[in-house]
Amino acid sequence: MRRLFLKVFAGSSLLSMLPAQQSSQVKKISAEELKKMIDEKKQFFFLDVREPKEIEELGTMKGYVNIPLSQLESRFKEIPRDALVLTA
């Protein structure tokens, strides 16, 4: 079974756009931690930065927003500033 790890507010390109105090708050979470967040109905913004072909091949989960890493800088304003952001 493949384990899924997500970064809370993350990919290195995304981090370079953050103020220093926010980039220090990055944390990896396991699939179990993500499941717990979903079960507890925690609010978060799930950002999938993979290319559409990767999502098609590997799948994703319900509720994701896809902004490919190659487009992230130009679409950064689409990411809510007041939400916990999870990236895959």
Protein backbone atom coordinates (compact mmCIF):
# COMPACT_ATOMS: atom_id res chain seq x y z
CA MET A 1 0.00 0.00 0.00
CA ARG A 2 1.37 3.40 -1.00
CA ARG A 3 1.48 5.94 1.81
CA LEU A 4 0.28 9.45 1.14
CA PHE A 5 2.02 12.39 2.71
CA LEU A 6 0.85 15.95 2.31
CA LYS A 7 2.62 19.10 3.25
CA VAL A 8 0.71 21.69 5.17
CA PHE A 9 1.18 24.89 3.19
CA ALA A 10 3.84 23.66 0.92
CA GLY A 11 5.92 22.80 -2.20
CA SER A 12 9.28 24.49 -2.28
CA SER A 13 8.14 26.99 -4.93
CA LEU A 14 5.17 27.95 -2.81
CA LEU A 15 7.42 28.35 0.21
CA SER A 16 9.66 30.81 -1.56
CA MET A 17 6.64 33.11 -1.96
CA LEU A 18 5.82 33.10 1.74
CA PRO A 19 7.07 35.46 4.41
CA ALA A 20 9.79 33.83 6.52
CA GLN A 21 7.57 33.42 9.59
CA GLN A 22 4.97 31.46 7.59
CA SER A 23 7.44 29.21 5.78
CA SER A 24 8.72 28.01 9.17
CA GLN A 25 5.23 26.63 9.88
CA VAL A 26 5.40 23.94 7.18
CA LYS A 27 4.68 20.42 8.38
CA LYS A 28 4.22 17.05 6.69
CA ILE A 29 1.14 15.07 7.64
CA SER A 30 0.38 11.40 7.11
CA ALA A 31 -2.68 9.89 5.48
CA GLU A 32 -3.92 8.98 8.97
CA GLU A 33 -3.64 12.60 10.12
CA LEU A 34 -5.49 13.75 7.00
CA LYS A 35 -8.25 11.19 7.60
CA LYS A 36 -8.60 12.45 11.16
CA MET A 37 -8.91 16.05 9.92
CA ILE A 38 -11.62 14.98 7.46
CA ASP A 39 -13.46 12.93 10.11
CA GLU A 40 -13.36 15.90 12.50
CA LYS A 41 -14.64 18.14 9.67
CA LYS A 42 -11.65 20.48 9.95
CA GLN A 43 -11.66 23.22 7.34
CA PHE A 44 -8.78 23.28 4.88
CA PHE A 45 -7.96 24.14 1.27
CA PHE A 46 -6.58 21.13 -0.59
CA LEU A 47 -4.22 22.32 -3.31
CA ASP A 48 -2.96 19.72 -5.75
CA VAL A 49 0.08 21.13 -7.57
CA ARG A 50 0.58 18.14 -9.86
CA GLU A 51 0.08 18.36 -13.61
CA PRO A 52 -3.35 17.18 -14.86
CA LYS A 53 -1.79 14.05 -16.44
CA GLU A 54 -0.36 13.04 -13.05
CA ILE A 55 -3.76 13.43 -11.40
CA GLU A 56 -5.37 11.37 -14.16
CA GLU A 57 -2.80 8.60 -13.69
CA LEU A 58 -2.54 8.60 -9.90
CA GLY A 59 -5.86 10.05 -8.76
CA THR A 60 -6.60 12.54 -6.04
CA MET A 61 -9.33 13.11 -3.48
CA LYS A 62 -12.66 14.88 -3.47
CA GLY A 63 -12.59 18.64 -3.02
CA TYR A 64 -9.13 19.33 -4.39
CA VAL A 65 -8.18 22.42 -6.39
CA ASN A 66 -5.61 21.80 -9.10
CA ILE A 67 -3.11 24.54 -9.80
CA PRO A 68 -0.15 22.88 -11.53
CA LEU A 69 3.21 23.86 -10.09
CA SER A 70 4.12 25.37 -13.45
CA GLN A 71 1.20 27.84 -13.06
CA LEU A 72 1.41 28.46 -9.33
CA GLU A 73 3.15 31.82 -9.41
CA SER A 74 0.63 33.32 -11.86
CA ARG A 75 -2.37 31.84 -9.99
CA PHE A 76 -1.20 32.45 -6.41
CA LYS A 77 -4.15 34.80 -5.72
CA GLU A 78 -6.54 31.83 -6.06
CA ILE A 79 -5.21 30.36 -2.81
CA PRO A 80 -7.11 31.63 0.25
CA ARG A 81 -4.96 33.54 2.71
CA ASP A 82 -7.10 32.70 5.74
CA ALA A 83 -7.23 28.91 5.34
CA LEU A 84 -5.05 25.98 6.27
CA VAL A 85 -3.57 24.91 2.93
CA LEU A 86 -2.64 21.28 2.24
CA THR A 87 -0.68 20.49 -0.90
CA ALA A 88 -0.01 17.27 -2.74
